[in-house]
Amino acid sequence: MTQFSWPIRVYYEDTDSGGVVYHSNYLNFMERARTEWLRALGFEQTQLKDQQGLIIVVHSLSMQFKKPAYFNDMLTVNCVLSELGRSSLIMQQSIEREGLVLIEAQVKAAFVDAVSFKPIGIPAEISHKIRLDKKQ
């Protein structure tokens, strides 16, 4: 799976008084899609924290707002892994409505110790599964 996609419906609570998606909610939509991508690979973030003592945090991101989304839109959030490092990964994400790109983003996520928040290496099992996924 070189690209993972997750559907999102825009609810009233996601919008401003004009029915336009409030800018920070796009971050929530992308976070949900990354979580579902990990889940599709077989990893639950709660288990990673409880069993391996690690969490995945956003290190940095950049976003380009191209077009707005509106109340009741059905959106697709796409995730494409572009780089896998020792303790982080970079993902290209986009949000589309019926094939029209609304948002483009690059997100760097780091694997950190759940207590100290210091970077740790991506566990071999996760790295292996991601590499296999990228080849498909």
N, C-alpha and C. Protein backbone atom coordinates (compact mmCIF):
# COMPACT_ATOMS: atom_id res chain seq x y z
N MET A 1 0.85 -1.17 0.00
CA MET A 1 0.00 0.00 0.00
C MET A 1 0.90 1.23 0.00
N THR A 2 1.14 1.79 -1.15
CA THR A 2 1.99 2.98 -1.23
C THR A 2 1.23 4.23 -0.82
N GLN A 3 -0.09 4.17 -0.93
CA GLN A 3 -0.92 5.29 -0.47
C GLN A 3 -2.04 4.73 0.39
N PHE A 4 -2.28 5.39 1.51
CA PHE A 4 -3.39 5.03 2.38
C PHE A 4 -4.38 6.17 2.36
N SER A 5 -5.65 5.84 2.23
CA SER A 5 -6.69 6.87 2.21
C SER A 5 -7.74 6.57 3.27
N TRP A 6 -8.26 7.64 3.87
CA TRP A 6 -9.26 7.51 4.93
C TRP A 6 -10.37 8.54 4.69
N PRO A 7 -11.64 8.08 4.67
CA PRO A 7 -12.74 9.03 4.45
C PRO A 7 -13.10 9.79 5.73
N ILE A 8 -13.45 11.03 5.56
CA ILE A 8 -13.85 11.90 6.68
C ILE A 8 -15.06 12.72 6.22
N ARG A 9 -16.08 12.74 7.04
CA ARG A 9 -17.23 13.61 6.78
C ARG A 9 -17.04 14.88 7.61
N VAL A 10 -17.33 16.03 7.03
CA VAL A 10 -17.24 17.30 7.74
C VAL A 10 -18.54 17.50 8.52
N TYR A 11 -18.41 17.64 9.81
CA TYR A 11 -19.57 17.90 10.67
C TYR A 11 -19.66 19.39 10.99
N TYR A 12 -20.81 19.80 11.44
CA TYR A 12 -21.05 21.19 11.78
C TYR A 12 -20.00 21.70 12.77
N GLU A 13 -19.65 20.86 13.74
CA GLU A 13 -18.66 21.25 14.76
C GLU A 13 -17.28 21.53 14.18
N ASP A 14 -17.01 21.05 12.95
CA ASP A 14 -15.72 21.26 12.29
C ASP A 14 -15.63 22.62 11.59
N THR A 15 -16.74 23.34 11.53
CA THR A 15 -16.79 24.55 10.70
C THR A 15 -16.94 25.83 11.52
N ASP A 16 -16.70 26.93 10.85
CA ASP A 16 -16.94 28.24 11.45
C ASP A 16 -18.39 28.64 11.17
N SER A 17 -18.75 29.84 11.51
CA SER A 17 -20.14 30.27 11.34
C SER A 17 -20.58 30.35 9.88
N GLY A 18 -19.62 30.36 8.96
CA GLY A 18 -19.94 30.39 7.54
C GLY A 18 -20.03 29.01 6.90
N GLY A 19 -19.84 27.96 7.72
CA GLY A 19 -19.92 26.60 7.19
C GLY A 19 -18.63 26.13 6.54
N VAL A 20 -17.53 26.87 6.74
CA VAL A 20 -16.23 26.52 6.18
C VAL A 20 -15.42 25.82 7.27
N VAL A 21 -14.71 24.74 6.90
CA VAL A 21 -13.89 24.02 7.88
C VAL A 21 -12.88 24.98 8.49
N TYR A 22 -12.85 25.02 9.81
CA TYR A 22 -11.90 25.84 10.55
C TYR A 22 -10.50 25.26 10.32
N HIS A 23 -9.52 26.11 10.08
CA HIS A 23 -8.19 25.68 9.61
C HIS A 23 -7.53 24.60 10.48
N SER A 24 -7.64 24.68 11.79
CA SER A 24 -6.96 23.70 12.63
C SER A 24 -7.60 22.31 12.56
N ASN A 25 -8.83 22.23 12.10
CA ASN A 25 -9.48 20.92 12.01
C ASN A 25 -8.87 20.05 10.92
N TYR A 26 -8.23 20.65 9.93
CA TYR A 26 -7.54 19.84 8.93
C TYR A 26 -6.43 19.02 9.59
N LEU A 27 -5.80 19.59 10.61
CA LEU A 27 -4.78 18.84 11.35
C LEU A 27 -5.39 17.61 12.03
N ASN A 28 -6.58 17.78 12.59
CA ASN A 28 -7.27 16.64 13.22
C ASN A 28 -7.58 15.56 12.19
N PHE A 29 -8.04 15.97 11.02
CA PHE A 29 -8.36 15.00 9.96
C PHE A 29 -7.11 14.22 9.56
N MET A 30 -5.99 14.91 9.42
CA MET A 30 -4.75 14.24 9.02
C MET A 30 -4.25 13.30 10.13
N GLU A 31 -4.40 13.73 11.38
CA GLU A 31 -4.00 12.88 12.51
C GLU A 31 -4.80 11.58 12.51
N ARG A 32 -6.10 11.68 12.28
CA ARG A 32 -6.95 10.48 12.23
C ARG A 32 -6.49 9.54 11.14
N ALA A 33 -6.16 10.08 9.98
CA ALA A 33 -5.72 9.24 8.86
C ALA A 33 -4.39 8.55 9.18
N ARG A 34 -3.46 9.26 9.81
CA ARG A 34 -2.18 8.62 10.19
C ARG A 34 -2.41 7.52 11.21
N THR A 35 -3.33 7.76 12.15
CA THR A 35 -3.66 6.73 13.14
C THR A 35 -4.25 5.50 12.46
N GLU A 36 -5.14 5.71 11.51
CA GLU A 36 -5.76 4.59 10.80
C GLU A 36 -4.75 3.87 9.91
N TRP A 37 -3.78 4.60 9.37
CA TRP A 37 -2.70 3.97 8.60
C TRP A 37 -1.91 3.02 9.49
N LEU A 38 -1.53 3.49 10.68
CA LEU A 38 -0.82 2.62 11.62
C LEU A 38 -1.67 1.41 12.00
N ARG A 39 -2.94 1.64 12.24
CA ARG A 39 -3.86 0.57 12.60
C ARG A 39 -3.94 -0.46 11.46
N ALA A 40 -3.98 0.01 10.22
CA ALA A 40 -4.04 -0.89 9.06
C ALA A 40 -2.76 -1.73 8.95
N LEU A 41 -1.65 -1.18 9.45
CA LEU A 41 -0.39 -1.93 9.48
C LEU A 41 -0.33 -2.91 10.65
N GLY A 42 -1.30 -2.80 11.57
CA GLY A 42 -1.35 -3.72 12.71
C GLY A 42 -0.85 -3.14 14.02
N PHE A 43 -0.74 -1.83 14.11
CA PHE A 43 -0.21 -1.20 15.33
C PHE A 43 -1.22 -0.24 15.93
N GLU A 44 -1.53 -0.45 17.19
CA GLU A 44 -2.40 0.44 17.95
C GLU A 44 -1.51 1.34 18.80
N GLN A 45 -1.75 2.63 18.77
CA GLN A 45 -0.91 3.55 19.51
C GLN A 45 -0.97 3.32 21.02
N THR A 46 -2.12 2.92 21.52
CA THR A 46 -2.21 2.65 22.97
C THR A 46 -1.34 1.46 23.35
N GLN A 47 -1.29 0.45 22.49
CA GLN A 47 -0.45 -0.72 22.78
C GLN A 47 1.03 -0.36 22.67
N LEU A 48 1.38 0.47 21.71
CA LEU A 48 2.77 0.89 21.58
C LEU A 48 3.23 1.60 22.85
N LYS A 49 2.36 2.44 23.39
CA LYS A 49 2.69 3.15 24.63
C LYS A 49 2.76 2.19 25.82
N ASP A 50 1.75 1.36 25.96
CA ASP A 50 1.67 0.47 27.12
C ASP A 50 2.70 -0.66 27.09
N GLN A 51 2.96 -1.21 25.91
CA GLN A 51 3.83 -2.38 25.82
C GLN A 51 5.29 -2.05 25.46
N GLN A 52 5.48 -0.95 24.72
CA GLN A 52 6.84 -0.63 24.30
C GLN A 52 7.34 0.71 24.84
N GLY A 53 6.47 1.43 25.54
CA GLY A 53 6.88 2.68 26.14
C GLY A 53 7.22 3.77 25.13
N LEU A 54 6.53 3.76 23.98
CA LEU A 54 6.81 4.79 22.99
C LEU A 54 5.53 5.45 22.53
N ILE A 55 5.69 6.68 22.12
CA ILE A 55 4.58 7.41 21.49
C ILE A 55 5.13 8.07 20.22
N ILE A 56 4.21 8.43 19.35
CA ILE A 56 4.58 9.07 18.10
C ILE A 56 4.04 10.49 18.16
N VAL A 57 4.93 11.45 17.98
CA VAL A 57 4.53 12.85 18.09
C VAL A 57 4.88 13.59 16.80
N VAL A 58 4.11 14.62 16.51
CA VAL A 58 4.43 15.46 15.36
C VAL A 58 5.63 16.33 15.72
N HIS A 59 6.66 16.22 14.93
CA HIS A 59 7.87 17.01 15.12
C HIS A 59 7.74 18.36 14.40
N SER A 60 7.28 18.30 13.15
CA SER A 60 7.12 19.51 12.36
C SER A 60 6.17 19.23 11.20
N LEU A 61 5.62 20.32 10.66
CA LEU A 61 4.73 20.16 9.52
C LEU A 61 4.64 21.45 8.75
N SER A 62 4.29 21.30 7.48
CA SER A 62 3.97 22.46 6.67
C SER A 62 2.71 22.12 5.88
N MET A 63 1.85 23.13 5.71
CA MET A 63 0.58 22.93 5.03
C MET A 63 0.37 24.03 4.01
N GLN A 64 -0.27 23.65 2.92
CA GLN A 64 -0.70 24.62 1.92
C GLN A 64 -2.21 24.48 1.78
N PHE A 65 -2.90 25.57 2.03
CA PHE A 65 -4.35 25.61 1.90
C PHE A 65 -4.67 26.04 0.47
N LYS A 66 -5.34 25.17 -0.28
CA LYS A 66 -5.63 25.45 -1.68
C LYS A 66 -7.09 25.84 -1.90
N LYS A 67 -8.00 25.10 -1.29
CA LYS A 67 -9.44 25.35 -1.42
C LYS A 67 -10.10 24.98 -0.09
N PRO A 68 -11.22 25.60 0.24
CA PRO A 68 -11.89 25.26 1.50
C PRO A 68 -12.76 24.01 1.39
N ALA A 69 -12.97 23.39 2.53
CA ALA A 69 -13.97 22.32 2.66
C ALA A 69 -15.14 22.91 3.43
N TYR A 70 -16.31 22.32 3.24
CA TYR A 70 -17.54 22.87 3.81
C TYR A 70 -18.30 21.82 4.61
N PHE A 71 -19.21 22.33 5.44
CA PHE A 71 -20.11 21.47 6.21
C PHE A 71 -20.73 20.40 5.31
N ASN A 72 -20.69 19.18 5.78
CA ASN A 72 -21.29 18.00 5.16
C ASN A 72 -20.51 17.46 3.96
N ASP A 73 -19.35 18.05 3.63
CA ASP A 73 -18.51 17.48 2.57
C ASP A 73 -18.02 16.10 2.98
N MET A 74 -17.86 15.24 2.00
CA MET A 74 -17.21 13.95 2.21
C MET A 74 -15.80 14.11 1.66
N LEU A 75 -14.82 13.99 2.53
CA LEU A 75 -13.42 14.21 2.15
C LEU A 75 -12.65 12.89 2.18
N THR A 76 -11.54 12.88 1.49
CA THR A 76 -10.60 11.76 1.55
C THR A 76 -9.27 12.33 2.00
N VAL A 77 -8.71 11.72 3.05
CA VAL A 77 -7.40 12.13 3.54
C VAL A 77 -6.40 11.06 3.08
N ASN A 78 -5.39 11.48 2.33
CA ASN A 78 -4.40 10.57 1.78
C ASN A 78 -3.09 10.68 2.55
N CYS A 79 -2.42 9.56 2.70
CA CYS A 79 -1.12 9.48 3.38
C CYS A 79 -0.15 8.72 2.48
N VAL A 80 0.99 9.33 2.21
CA VAL A 80 2.03 8.66 1.44
C VAL A 80 3.34 8.84 2.20
N LEU A 81 3.94 7.73 2.60
CA LEU A 81 5.22 7.79 3.30
C LEU A 81 6.30 8.17 2.30
N SER A 82 7.05 9.23 2.60
CA SER A 82 8.11 9.66 1.68
C SER A 82 9.50 9.39 2.24
N GLU A 83 9.61 9.25 3.55
CA GLU A 83 10.94 9.01 4.13
C GLU A 83 10.79 8.27 5.46
N LEU A 84 11.64 7.28 5.65
CA LEU A 84 11.67 6.53 6.90
C LEU A 84 13.07 6.62 7.47
N GLY A 85 13.20 7.32 8.59
CA GLY A 85 14.50 7.49 9.22
C GLY A 85 14.68 6.53 10.39
N ARG A 86 15.72 6.77 11.18
CA ARG A 86 16.00 5.91 12.33
C ARG A 86 14.96 6.07 13.42
N SER A 87 14.54 7.32 13.68
CA SER A 87 13.57 7.56 14.75
C SER A 87 12.41 8.45 14.30
N SER A 88 12.29 8.65 13.00
CA SER A 88 11.19 9.49 12.51
C SER A 88 10.79 9.07 11.10
N LEU A 89 9.66 9.60 10.68
CA LEU A 89 9.20 9.38 9.31
C LEU A 89 8.61 10.67 8.79
N ILE A 90 8.62 10.80 7.49
CA ILE A 90 8.01 11.96 6.85
C ILE A 90 6.91 11.45 5.94
N MET A 91 5.75 12.06 6.08
CA MET A 91 4.58 11.65 5.33
C MET A 91 4.03 12.85 4.56
N GLN A 92 3.72 12.60 3.30
CA GLN A 92 3.01 13.58 2.49
C GLN A 92 1.53 13.29 2.67
N GLN A 93 0.76 14.29 3.00
CA GLN A 93 -0.66 14.11 3.19
C GLN A 93 -1.42 15.12 2.35
N SER A 94 -2.58 14.69 1.88
CA SER A 94 -3.46 15.60 1.16
C SER A 94 -4.89 15.32 1.58
N ILE A 95 -5.72 16.34 1.43
CA ILE A 95 -7.14 16.21 1.71
C ILE A 95 -7.86 16.61 0.43
N GLU A 96 -8.73 15.72 -0.02
CA GLU A 96 -9.42 15.93 -1.29
C GLU A 96 -10.93 15.85 -1.11
N ARG A 97 -11.61 16.51 -2.01
CA ARG A 97 -13.06 16.38 -2.14
C ARG A 97 -13.33 16.04 -3.60
N GLU A 98 -13.83 14.82 -3.82
CA GLU A 98 -14.14 14.35 -5.19
C GLU A 98 -12.97 14.57 -6.14
N GLY A 99 -11.76 14.25 -5.70
CA GLY A 99 -10.57 14.35 -6.53
C GLY A 99 -9.92 15.72 -6.57
N LEU A 100 -10.58 16.74 -6.03
CA LEU A 100 -10.02 18.09 -6.00
C LEU A 100 -9.18 18.25 -4.73
N VAL A 101 -7.90 18.56 -4.88
CA VAL A 101 -7.01 18.72 -3.73
C VAL A 101 -7.31 20.03 -3.02
N LEU A 102 -7.64 19.92 -1.72
CA LEU A 102 -7.94 21.09 -0.90
C LEU A 102 -6.74 21.51 -0.05
N ILE A 103 -6.04 20.51 0.47
CA ILE A 103 -4.92 20.74 1.39
C ILE A 103 -3.78 19.82 1.00
N GLU A 104 -2.56 20.33 1.05
CA GLU A 104 -1.37 19.50 0.93
C GLU A 104 -0.50 19.78 2.15
N ALA A 105 0.11 18.72 2.67
CA ALA A 105 0.93 18.88 3.86
C ALA A 105 2.08 17.89 3.86
N GLN A 106 3.13 18.28 4.54
CA GLN A 106 4.24 17.38 4.84
C GLN A 106 4.36 17.32 6.35
N VAL A 107 4.32 16.11 6.89
CA VAL A 107 4.34 15.93 8.34
C VAL A 107 5.52 15.05 8.72
N LYS A 108 6.35 15.53 9.64
CA LYS A 108 7.42 14.71 10.20
C LYS A 108 6.96 14.25 11.57
N ALA A 109 6.93 12.94 11.76
CA ALA A 109 6.52 12.36 13.04
C ALA A 109 7.71 11.63 13.66
N ALA A 110 7.92 11.86 14.95
CA ALA A 110 9.05 11.27 15.65
C ALA A 110 8.57 10.23 16.65
N PHE A 111 9.35 9.18 16.80
CA PHE A 111 9.10 8.15 17.81
C PHE A 111 9.89 8.56 19.05
N VAL A 112 9.19 8.71 20.17
CA VAL A 112 9.85 9.17 21.39
C VAL A 112 9.47 8.28 22.57
N ASP A 113 10.33 8.30 23.57
CA ASP A 113 10.06 7.59 24.82
C ASP A 113 8.86 8.25 25.49
N ALA A 114 7.91 7.42 25.94
CA ALA A 114 6.65 7.94 26.50
C ALA A 114 6.85 8.71 27.79
N VAL A 115 7.96 8.51 28.48
CA VAL A 115 8.21 9.20 29.75
C VAL A 115 9.11 10.42 29.54
N SER A 116 10.24 10.20 28.89
CA SER A 116 11.23 11.28 28.75
C SER A 116 11.00 12.17 27.53
N PHE A 117 10.23 11.69 26.58
CA PHE A 117 9.99 12.38 25.31
C PHE A 117 11.28 12.55 24.50
N LYS A 118 12.28 11.73 24.78
CA LYS A 118 13.51 11.74 23.99
C LYS A 118 13.34 10.80 22.80
N PRO A 119 13.92 11.15 21.65
CA PRO A 119 13.79 10.29 20.47
C PRO A 119 14.33 8.89 20.73
N ILE A 120 13.63 7.91 20.18
CA ILE A 120 14.09 6.52 20.23
C ILE A 120 13.98 5.94 18.83
N GLY A 121 14.75 4.90 18.58
CA GLY A 121 14.69 4.26 17.27
C GLY A 121 13.34 3.63 17.03
N ILE A 122 12.91 3.65 15.78
CA ILE A 122 11.67 2.98 15.43
C ILE A 122 11.88 1.49 15.64
N PRO A 123 11.03 0.83 16.43
CA PRO A 123 11.20 -0.60 16.66
C PRO A 123 11.26 -1.37 15.33
N ALA A 124 12.10 -2.42 15.30
CA ALA A 124 12.34 -3.19 14.08
C ALA A 124 11.05 -3.73 13.48
N GLU A 125 10.13 -4.19 14.30
CA GLU A 125 8.88 -4.75 13.81
C GLU A 125 8.08 -3.69 13.03
N ILE A 126 8.05 -2.48 13.55
CA ILE A 126 7.31 -1.40 12.89
C ILE A 126 8.02 -0.99 11.61
N SER A 127 9.33 -0.79 11.70
CA SER A 127 10.11 -0.40 10.53
C SER A 127 9.98 -1.43 9.42
N HIS A 128 10.06 -2.69 9.78
CA HIS A 128 9.94 -3.78 8.80
C HIS A 128 8.57 -3.75 8.12
N LYS A 129 7.53 -3.59 8.91
CA LYS A 129 6.16 -3.57 8.36
C LYS A 129 5.96 -2.36 7.44
N ILE A 130 6.51 -1.22 7.83
CA ILE A 130 6.40 -0.02 7.00
C ILE A 130 7.15 -0.22 5.68
N ARG A 131 8.34 -0.81 5.75
CA ARG A 131 9.12 -1.04 4.53
C ARG A 131 8.40 -2.02 3.59
N LEU A 132 7.80 -3.07 4.16
CA LEU A 132 7.03 -4.01 3.35
C LEU A 132 5.85 -3.31 2.71
N ASP A 133 5.18 -2.47 3.49
CA ASP A 133 4.01 -1.74 3.00
C ASP A 133 4.41 -0.82 1.84
N LYS A 134 5.55 -0.18 1.99
CA LYS A 134 6.00 0.78 0.97
C LYS A 134 6.30 0.08 -0.36
N LYS A 135 6.73 -1.18 -0.29
CA LYS A 135 7.07 -1.92 -1.50
C LYS A 135 5.82 -2.37 -2.27
N GLN A 136 4.71 -2.48 -1.58
CA GLN A 136 3.49 -2.97 -2.23
C GLN A 136 2.84 -1.93 -3.10
